[in-house]
Amino acid sequence: MKVINIDEYNPSMGVLVSLEDKEDFKSIKGSINMDIDKILSNPSKYLDKNKKYYFYCLKGSRSRRAVQILGVYGYQVTKVTL
């Protein structure tokens, strides 16, 4: 599993995605919020295999799960630690 620190992230690298619940979403500049359950149930509806995604969440468990599963499906994903 690829892991980087938020300080290493640059918007030119790919899409920064928060996996927090909408009510807990703490935006990092340039990030978007997505529902992990929706992504994992139908990744091709929400993600493009030609793009790179950088997932984060406050505790790290959602982003770890997403990166592990989506990586198996061939998506270019990286876990971001805060």
PDB file of N, CA and C in Angstrom:
ATOM      1  N   MET A   1       0.846  -1.185   0.000  1.00  0.00           N
ATOM      2  CA  MET A   1       0.000   0.000   0.000  1.00  0.00           C
ATOM      3  C   MET A   1       0.886   1.241   0.000  1.00  0.00           C
ATOM      4  N   LYS A   2       0.588   2.143  -0.928  1.00  0.00           N
ATOM      5  CA  LYS A   2       1.314   3.405  -0.985  1.00  0.00           C
ATOM      6  C   LYS A   2       0.760   4.337   0.089  1.00  0.00           C
ATOM      7  N   VAL A   3       1.677   4.995   0.821  1.00  0.00           N
ATOM      8  CA  VAL A   3       1.281   5.933   1.869  1.00  0.00           C
ATOM      9  C   VAL A   3       2.179   7.160   1.788  1.00  0.00           C
ATOM     10  N   ILE A   4       1.560   8.335   1.849  1.00  0.00           N
ATOM     11  CA  ILE A   4       2.328   9.571   1.943  1.00  0.00           C
ATOM     12  C   ILE A   4       1.733  10.428   3.054  1.00  0.00           C
ATOM     13  N   ASN A   5       2.496  11.396   3.517  1.00  0.00           N
ATOM     14  CA  ASN A   5       2.014  12.370   4.493  1.00  0.00           C
ATOM     15  C   ASN A   5       1.373  13.523   3.728  1.00  0.00           C
ATOM     16  N   ILE A   6       0.408  14.170   4.321  1.00  0.00           N
ATOM     17  CA  ILE A   6      -0.290  15.280   3.668  1.00  0.00           C
ATOM     18  C   ILE A   6       0.692  16.362   3.229  1.00  0.00           C
ATOM     19  N   ASP A   7       1.800  16.525   3.932  1.00  0.00           N
ATOM     20  CA  ASP A   7       2.794  17.534   3.562  1.00  0.00           C
ATOM     21  C   ASP A   7       3.478  17.209   2.232  1.00  0.00           C
ATOM     22  N   GLU A   8       3.432  15.959   1.814  1.00  0.00           N
ATOM     23  CA  GLU A   8       4.047  15.541   0.559  1.00  0.00           C
ATOM     24  C   GLU A   8       3.090  15.688  -0.625  1.00  0.00           C
ATOM     25  N   TYR A   9       1.815  15.862  -0.337  1.00  0.00           N
ATOM     26  CA  TYR A   9       0.810  15.935  -1.401  1.00  0.00           C
ATOM     27  C   TYR A   9       0.867  17.271  -2.126  1.00  0.00           C
ATOM     28  N   ASN A  10       0.717  17.198  -3.450  1.00  0.00           N
ATOM     29  CA  ASN A  10       0.652  18.366  -4.313  1.00  0.00           C
ATOM     30  C   ASN A  10      -0.531  18.130  -5.251  1.00  0.00           C
ATOM     31  N   PRO A  11      -1.387  19.122  -5.459  1.00  0.00           N
ATOM     32  CA  PRO A  11      -2.566  18.926  -6.316  1.00  0.00           C
ATOM     33  C   PRO A  11      -2.262  18.380  -7.707  1.00  0.00           C
ATOM     34  N   SER A  12      -1.081  18.615  -8.214  1.00  0.00           N
ATOM     35  CA  SER A  12      -0.743  18.104  -9.543  1.00  0.00           C
ATOM     36  C   SER A  12      -0.566  16.581  -9.548  1.00  0.00           C
ATOM     37  N   MET A  13      -0.489  15.985  -8.366  1.00  0.00           N
ATOM     38  CA  MET A  13      -0.298  14.535  -8.252  1.00  0.00           C
ATOM     39  C   MET A  13      -1.565  13.762  -8.567  1.00  0.00           C
ATOM     40  N   GLY A  14      -2.726  14.323  -8.235  1.00  0.00           N
ATOM     41  CA  GLY A  14      -3.989  13.630  -8.427  1.00  0.00           C
ATOM     42  C   GLY A  14      -5.077  14.221  -7.558  1.00  0.00           C
ATOM     43  N   VAL A  15      -6.182  13.501  -7.438  1.00  0.00           N
ATOM     44  CA  VAL A  15      -7.370  13.966  -6.718  1.00  0.00           C
ATOM     45  C   VAL A  15      -7.262  13.611  -5.237  1.00  0.00           C
ATOM     46  N   LEU A  16      -7.421  14.616  -4.378  1.00  0.00           N
ATOM     47  CA  LEU A  16      -7.396  14.415  -2.929  1.00  0.00           C
ATOM     48  C   LEU A  16      -8.835  14.215  -2.456  1.00  0.00           C
ATOM     49  N   VAL A  17      -9.087  13.067  -1.801  1.00  0.00           N
ATOM     50  CA  VAL A  17     -10.448  12.692  -1.430  1.00  0.00           C
ATOM     51  C   VAL A  17     -10.551  12.418   0.062  1.00  0.00           C
ATOM     52  N   SER A  18     -11.483  13.093   0.720  1.00  0.00           N
ATOM     53  CA  SER A  18     -11.805  12.822   2.114  1.00  0.00           C
ATOM     54  C   SER A  18     -12.885  11.744   2.154  1.00  0.00           C
ATOM     55  N   LEU A  19     -12.716  10.778   3.042  1.00  0.00           N
ATOM     56  CA  LEU A  19     -13.718   9.723   3.200  1.00  0.00           C
ATOM     57  C   LEU A  19     -14.513   9.885   4.488  1.00  0.00           C
ATOM     58  N   GLU A  20     -14.492  11.066   5.051  1.00  0.00           N
ATOM     59  CA  GLU A  20     -15.260  11.347   6.265  1.00  0.00           C
ATOM     60  C   GLU A  20     -16.740  11.472   5.938  1.00  0.00           C
ATOM     61  N   ASP A  21     -17.585  11.241   6.954  1.00  0.00           N
ATOM     62  CA  ASP A  21     -19.009  11.519   6.800  1.00  0.00           C
ATOM     63  C   ASP A  21     -19.161  13.008   6.512  1.00  0.00           C
ATOM     64  N   LYS A  22     -20.200  13.379   5.781  1.00  0.00           N
ATOM     65  CA  LYS A  22     -20.376  14.793   5.413  1.00  0.00           C
ATOM     66  C   LYS A  22     -20.350  15.718   6.617  1.00  0.00           C
ATOM     67  N   GLU A  23     -20.948  15.290   7.711  1.00  0.00           N
ATOM     68  CA  GLU A  23     -20.996  16.160   8.895  1.00  0.00           C
ATOM     69  C   GLU A  23     -19.632  16.276   9.587  1.00  0.00           C
ATOM     70  N   ASP A  24     -18.725  15.344   9.332  1.00  0.00           N
ATOM     71  CA  ASP A  24     -17.384  15.379   9.926  1.00  0.00           C
ATOM     72  C   ASP A  24     -16.326  15.906   8.959  1.00  0.00           C
ATOM     73  N   PHE A  25     -16.724  16.226   7.736  1.00  0.00           N
ATOM     74  CA  PHE A  25     -15.798  16.617   6.685  1.00  0.00           C
ATOM     75  C   PHE A  25     -15.059  17.900   7.047  1.00  0.00           C
ATOM     76  N   LYS A  26     -13.749  17.781   7.161  1.00  0.00           N
ATOM     77  CA  LYS A  26     -12.867  18.923   7.401  1.00  0.00           C
ATOM     78  C   LYS A  26     -12.054  19.091   6.128  1.00  0.00           C
ATOM     79  N   SER A  27     -12.436  20.042   5.333  1.00  0.00           N
ATOM     80  CA  SER A  27     -11.821  20.207   4.023  1.00  0.00           C
ATOM     81  C   SER A  27     -10.360  20.626   4.116  1.00  0.00           C
ATOM     82  N   ILE A  28      -9.547  19.928   3.368  1.00  0.00           N
ATOM     83  CA  ILE A  28      -8.184  20.353   3.118  1.00  0.00           C
ATOM     84  C   ILE A  28      -8.250  20.999   1.747  1.00  0.00           C
ATOM     85  N   LYS A  29      -7.600  22.120   1.567  1.00  0.00           N
ATOM     86  CA  LYS A  29      -7.705  22.883   0.327  1.00  0.00           C
ATOM     87  C   LYS A  29      -7.601  21.981  -0.904  1.00  0.00           C
ATOM     88  N   GLY A  30      -8.616  22.041  -1.738  1.00  0.00           N
ATOM     89  CA  GLY A  30      -8.629  21.284  -2.976  1.00  0.00           C
ATOM     90  C   GLY A  30      -9.205  19.883  -2.870  1.00  0.00           C
ATOM     91  N   SER A  31      -9.575  19.469  -1.665  1.00  0.00           N
ATOM     92  CA  SER A  31     -10.100  18.106  -1.507  1.00  0.00           C
ATOM     93  C   SER A  31     -11.595  18.049  -1.783  1.00  0.00           C
ATOM     94  N   ILE A  32     -12.044  16.838  -2.097  1.00  0.00           N
ATOM     95  CA  ILE A  32     -13.468  16.586  -2.257  1.00  0.00           C
ATOM     96  C   ILE A  32     -13.874  15.518  -1.251  1.00  0.00           C
ATOM     97  N   ASN A  33     -15.144  15.463  -0.948  1.00  0.00           N
ATOM     98  CA  ASN A  33     -15.653  14.481   0.011  1.00  0.00           C
ATOM     99  C   ASN A  33     -16.470  13.438  -0.740  1.00  0.00           C
ATOM    100  N   MET A  34     -16.173  12.155  -0.454  1.00  0.00           N
ATOM    101  CA  MET A  34     -16.912  11.064  -1.095  1.00  0.00           C
ATOM    102  C   MET A  34     -17.299  10.040  -0.038  1.00  0.00           C
ATOM    103  N   ASP A  35     -18.385   9.330  -0.301  1.00  0.00           N
ATOM    104  CA  ASP A  35     -18.881   8.293   0.598  1.00  0.00           C
ATOM    105  C   ASP A  35     -18.167   6.972   0.292  1.00  0.00           C
ATOM    106  N   ILE A  36     -17.459   6.428   1.272  1.00  0.00           N
ATOM    107  CA  ILE A  36     -16.680   5.210   1.063  1.00  0.00           C
ATOM    108  C   ILE A  36     -17.553   4.034   0.643  1.00  0.00           C
ATOM    109  N   ASP A  37     -18.731   3.910   1.216  1.00  0.00           N
ATOM    110  CA  ASP A  37     -19.602   2.790   0.874  1.00  0.00           C
ATOM    111  C   ASP A  37     -20.046   2.840  -0.589  1.00  0.00           C
ATOM    112  N   LYS A  38     -20.351   4.030  -1.079  1.00  0.00           N
ATOM    113  CA  LYS A  38     -20.744   4.172  -2.480  1.00  0.00           C
ATOM    114  C   LYS A  38     -19.570   3.846  -3.398  1.00  0.00           C
ATOM    115  N   ILE A  39     -18.395   4.347  -3.060  1.00  0.00           N
ATOM    116  CA  ILE A  39     -17.207   4.089  -3.884  1.00  0.00           C
ATOM    117  C   ILE A  39     -16.925   2.593  -3.961  1.00  0.00           C
ATOM    118  N   LEU A  40     -16.932   1.930  -2.816  1.00  0.00           N
ATOM    119  CA  LEU A  40     -16.577   0.516  -2.784  1.00  0.00           C
ATOM    120  C   LEU A  40     -17.653  -0.380  -3.403  1.00  0.00           C
ATOM    121  N   SER A  41     -18.899   0.048  -3.372  1.00  0.00           N
ATOM    122  CA  SER A  41     -19.958  -0.778  -3.956  1.00  0.00           C
ATOM    123  C   SER A  41     -19.996  -0.679  -5.485  1.00  0.00           C
ATOM    124  N   ASN A  42     -19.510   0.442  -6.032  1.00  0.00           N
ATOM    125  CA  ASN A  42     -19.532   0.629  -7.483  1.00  0.00           C
ATOM    126  C   ASN A  42     -18.409   1.594  -7.888  1.00  0.00           C
ATOM    127  N   PRO A  43     -17.152   1.156  -7.780  1.00  0.00           N
ATOM    128  CA  PRO A  43     -16.032   2.077  -8.021  1.00  0.00           C
ATOM    129  C   PRO A  43     -16.033   2.716  -9.405  1.00  0.00           C
ATOM    130  N   SER A  44     -16.421   1.983 -10.431  1.00  0.00           N
ATOM    131  CA  SER A  44     -16.366   2.538 -11.793  1.00  0.00           C
ATOM    132  C   SER A  44     -17.350   3.686 -12.000  1.00  0.00           C
ATOM    133  N   LYS A  45     -18.352   3.789 -11.152  1.00  0.00           N
ATOM    134  CA  LYS A  45     -19.304   4.892 -11.240  1.00  0.00           C
ATOM    135  C   LYS A  45     -18.699   6.198 -10.719  1.00  0.00           C
ATOM    136  N   TYR A  46     -17.766   6.088  -9.761  1.00  0.00           N
ATOM    137  CA  TYR A  46     -17.227   7.269  -9.088  1.00  0.00           C
ATOM    138  C   TYR A  46     -15.762   7.569  -9.405  1.00  0.00           C
ATOM    139  N   LEU A  47     -15.025   6.575  -9.867  1.00  0.00           N
ATOM    140  CA  LEU A  47     -13.589   6.743 -10.085  1.00  0.00           C
ATOM    141  C   LEU A  47     -13.199   6.401 -11.515  1.00  0.00           C
ATOM    142  N   ASP A  48     -12.117   7.002 -11.957  1.00  0.00           N
ATOM    143  CA  ASP A  48     -11.574   6.779 -13.294  1.00  0.00           C
ATOM    144  C   ASP A  48     -10.210   6.101 -13.126  1.00  0.00           C
ATOM    145  N   LYS A  49     -10.024   4.953 -13.743  1.00  0.00           N
ATOM    146  CA  LYS A  49      -8.766   4.219 -13.603  1.00  0.00           C
ATOM    147  C   LYS A  49      -7.572   4.968 -14.208  1.00  0.00           C
ATOM    148  N   ASN A  50      -7.824   5.993 -14.984  1.00  0.00           N
ATOM    149  CA  ASN A  50      -6.740   6.780 -15.569  1.00  0.00           C
ATOM    150  C   ASN A  50      -6.287   7.925 -14.670  1.00  0.00           C
ATOM    151  N   LYS A  51      -6.955   8.114 -13.542  1.00  0.00           N
ATOM    152  CA  LYS A  51      -6.593   9.182 -12.605  1.00  0.00           C
ATOM    153  C   LYS A  51      -5.987   8.569 -11.341  1.00  0.00           C
ATOM    154  N   LYS A  52      -5.225   9.389 -10.626  1.00  0.00           N
ATOM    155  CA  LYS A  52      -4.648   8.980  -9.346  1.00  0.00           C
ATOM    156  C   LYS A  52      -5.460   9.619  -8.225  1.00  0.00           C
ATOM    157  N   TYR A  53      -5.716   8.818  -7.200  1.00  0.00           N
ATOM    158  CA  TYR A  53      -6.517   9.281  -6.067  1.00  0.00           C
ATOM    159  C   TYR A  53      -5.723   9.165  -4.777  1.00  0.00           C
ATOM    160  N   TYR A  54      -5.892  10.163  -3.919  1.00  0.00           N
ATOM    161  CA  TYR A  54      -5.212  10.217  -2.626  1.00  0.00           C
ATOM    162  C   TYR A  54      -6.304  10.328  -1.567  1.00  0.00           C
ATOM    163  N   PHE A  55      -6.464   9.251  -0.791  1.00  0.00           N
ATOM    164  CA  PHE A  55      -7.540   9.173   0.192  1.00  0.00           C
ATOM    165  C   PHE A  55      -7.058   9.485   1.600  1.00  0.00           C
ATOM    166  N   TYR A  56      -7.873  10.255   2.325  1.00  0.00           N
ATOM    167  CA  TYR A  56      -7.562  10.519   3.726  1.00  0.00           C
ATOM    168  C   TYR A  56      -8.839  10.498   4.562  1.00  0.00           C
ATOM    169  N   CYS A  57      -8.651  10.264   5.846  1.00  0.00           N
ATOM    170  CA  CYS A  57      -9.709  10.384   6.843  1.00  0.00           C
ATOM    171  C   CYS A  57      -9.015  10.658   8.175  1.00  0.00           C
ATOM    172  N   LEU A  58      -9.753  11.110   9.143  1.00  0.00           N
ATOM    173  CA  LEU A  58      -9.138  11.514  10.405  1.00  0.00           C
ATOM    174  C   LEU A  58      -8.450  10.370  11.138  1.00  0.00           C
ATOM    175  N   LYS A  59      -9.104   9.225  11.235  1.00  0.00           N
ATOM    176  CA  LYS A  59      -8.532   8.097  11.985  1.00  0.00           C
ATOM    177  C   LYS A  59      -7.649   7.201  11.124  1.00  0.00           C
ATOM    178  N   GLY A  60      -7.844   7.234   9.819  1.00  0.00           N
ATOM    179  CA  GLY A  60      -7.020   6.434   8.919  1.00  0.00           C
ATOM    180  C   GLY A  60      -7.595   5.095   8.513  1.00  0.00           C
ATOM    181  N   SER A  61      -8.636   4.631   9.187  1.00  0.00           N
ATOM    182  CA  SER A  61      -9.167   3.297   8.884  1.00  0.00           C
ATOM    183  C   SER A  61      -9.940   3.259   7.566  1.00  0.00           C
ATOM    184  N   ARG A  62     -10.710   4.281   7.268  1.00  0.00           N
ATOM    185  CA  ARG A  62     -11.472   4.301   6.013  1.00  0.00           C
ATOM    186  C   ARG A  62     -10.535   4.401   4.811  1.00  0.00           C
ATOM    187  N   SER A  63      -9.546   5.277   4.919  1.00  0.00           N
ATOM    188  CA  SER A  63      -8.625   5.439   3.790  1.00  0.00           C
ATOM    189  C   SER A  63      -7.789   4.179   3.579  1.00  0.00           C
ATOM    190  N   ARG A  64      -7.392   3.523   4.640  1.00  0.00           N
ATOM    191  CA  ARG A  64      -6.632   2.269   4.531  1.00  0.00           C
ATOM    192  C   ARG A  64      -7.480   1.203   3.826  1.00  0.00           C
ATOM    193  N   ARG A  65      -8.719   1.073   4.246  1.00  0.00           N
ATOM    194  CA  ARG A  65      -9.632   0.086   3.650  1.00  0.00           C
ATOM    195  C   ARG A  65      -9.843   0.377   2.163  1.00  0.00           C
ATOM    196  N   ALA A  66     -10.103   1.644   1.829  1.00  0.00           N
ATOM    197  CA  ALA A  66     -10.345   2.022   0.433  1.00  0.00           C
ATOM    198  C   ALA A  66      -9.127   1.735  -0.432  1.00  0.00           C
ATOM    199  N   VAL A  67      -7.951   2.081   0.035  1.00  0.00           N
ATOM    200  CA  VAL A  67      -6.732   1.875  -0.752  1.00  0.00           C
ATOM    201  C   VAL A  67      -6.464   0.390  -0.945  1.00  0.00           C
ATOM    202  N   GLN A  68      -6.668  -0.402   0.090  1.00  0.00           N
ATOM    203  CA  GLN A  68      -6.444  -1.847  -0.031  1.00  0.00           C
ATOM    204  C   GLN A  68      -7.387  -2.466  -1.062  1.00  0.00           C
ATOM    205  N   ILE A  69      -8.651  -2.147  -0.984  1.00  0.00           N
ATOM    206  CA  ILE A  69      -9.650  -2.750  -1.874  1.00  0.00           C
ATOM    207  C   ILE A  69      -9.532  -2.215  -3.297  1.00  0.00           C
ATOM    208  N   LEU A  70      -9.461  -0.905  -3.450  1.00  0.00           N
ATOM    209  CA  LEU A  70      -9.419  -0.320  -4.790  1.00  0.00           C
ATOM    210  C   LEU A  70      -8.121  -0.635  -5.520  1.00  0.00           C
ATOM    211  N   GLY A  71      -7.032  -0.810  -4.783  1.00  0.00           N
ATOM    212  CA  GLY A  71      -5.767  -1.209  -5.387  1.00  0.00           C
ATOM    213  C   GLY A  71      -5.876  -2.570  -6.052  1.00  0.00           C
ATOM    214  N   VAL A  72      -6.605  -3.480  -5.429  1.00  0.00           N
ATOM    215  CA  VAL A  72      -6.829  -4.816  -5.997  1.00  0.00           C
ATOM    216  C   VAL A  72      -7.608  -4.712  -7.309  1.00  0.00           C
ATOM    217  N   TYR A  73      -8.514  -3.733  -7.390  1.00  0.00           N
ATOM    218  CA  TYR A  73      -9.317  -3.535  -8.595  1.00  0.00           C
ATOM    219  C   TYR A  73      -8.576  -2.768  -9.689  1.00  0.00           C
ATOM    220  N   GLY A  74      -7.337  -2.389  -9.430  1.00  0.00           N
ATOM    221  CA  GLY A  74      -6.531  -1.729 -10.452  1.00  0.00           C
ATOM    222  C   GLY A  74      -6.563  -0.214 -10.449  1.00  0.00           C
ATOM    223  N   TYR A  75      -7.111   0.390  -9.409  1.00  0.00           N
ATOM    224  CA  TYR A  75      -7.124   1.849  -9.320  1.00  0.00           C
ATOM    225  C   TYR A  75      -5.793   2.345  -8.760  1.00  0.00           C
ATOM    226  N   GLN A  76      -5.393   3.545  -9.180  1.00  0.00           N
ATOM    227  CA  GLN A  76      -4.165   4.166  -8.721  1.00  0.00           C
ATOM    228  C   GLN A  76      -4.486   4.951  -7.454  1.00  0.00           C
ATOM    229  N   VAL A  77      -4.277   4.344  -6.305  1.00  0.00           N
ATOM    230  CA  VAL A  77      -4.697   4.933  -5.041  1.00  0.00           C
ATOM    231  C   VAL A  77      -3.545   4.964  -4.039  1.00  0.00           C
ATOM    232  N   THR A  78      -3.563   6.015  -3.217  1.00  0.00           N
ATOM    233  CA  THR A  78      -2.566   6.218  -2.183  1.00  0.00           C
ATOM    234  C   THR A  78      -3.259   6.676  -0.918  1.00  0.00           C
ATOM    235  N   LYS A  79      -2.823   6.168   0.210  1.00  0.00           N
ATOM    236  CA  LYS A  79      -3.340   6.597   1.516  1.00  0.00           C
ATOM    237  C   LYS A  79      -2.551   7.819   1.953  1.00  0.00           C
ATOM    238  N   VAL A  80      -3.257   8.826   2.442  1.00  0.00           N
ATOM    239  CA  VAL A  80      -2.623  10.044   2.929  1.00  0.00           C
ATOM    240  C   VAL A  80      -2.807  10.119   4.431  1.00  0.00           C
ATOM    241  N   THR A  81      -1.713  10.278   5.148  1.00  0.00           N
ATOM    242  CA  THR A  81      -1.804  10.437   6.597  1.00  0.00           C
ATOM    243  C   THR A  81      -1.798  11.931   6.920  1.00  0.00           C
ATOM    244  N   LEU A  82      -2.563  12.293   7.938  1.00  0.00           N
ATOM    245  CA  LEU A  82      -2.670  13.704   8.334  1.00  0.00           C
ATOM    246  C   LEU A  82      -1.714  14.053   9.437  1.00  0.00           C
TER     247      LEU A  82
END
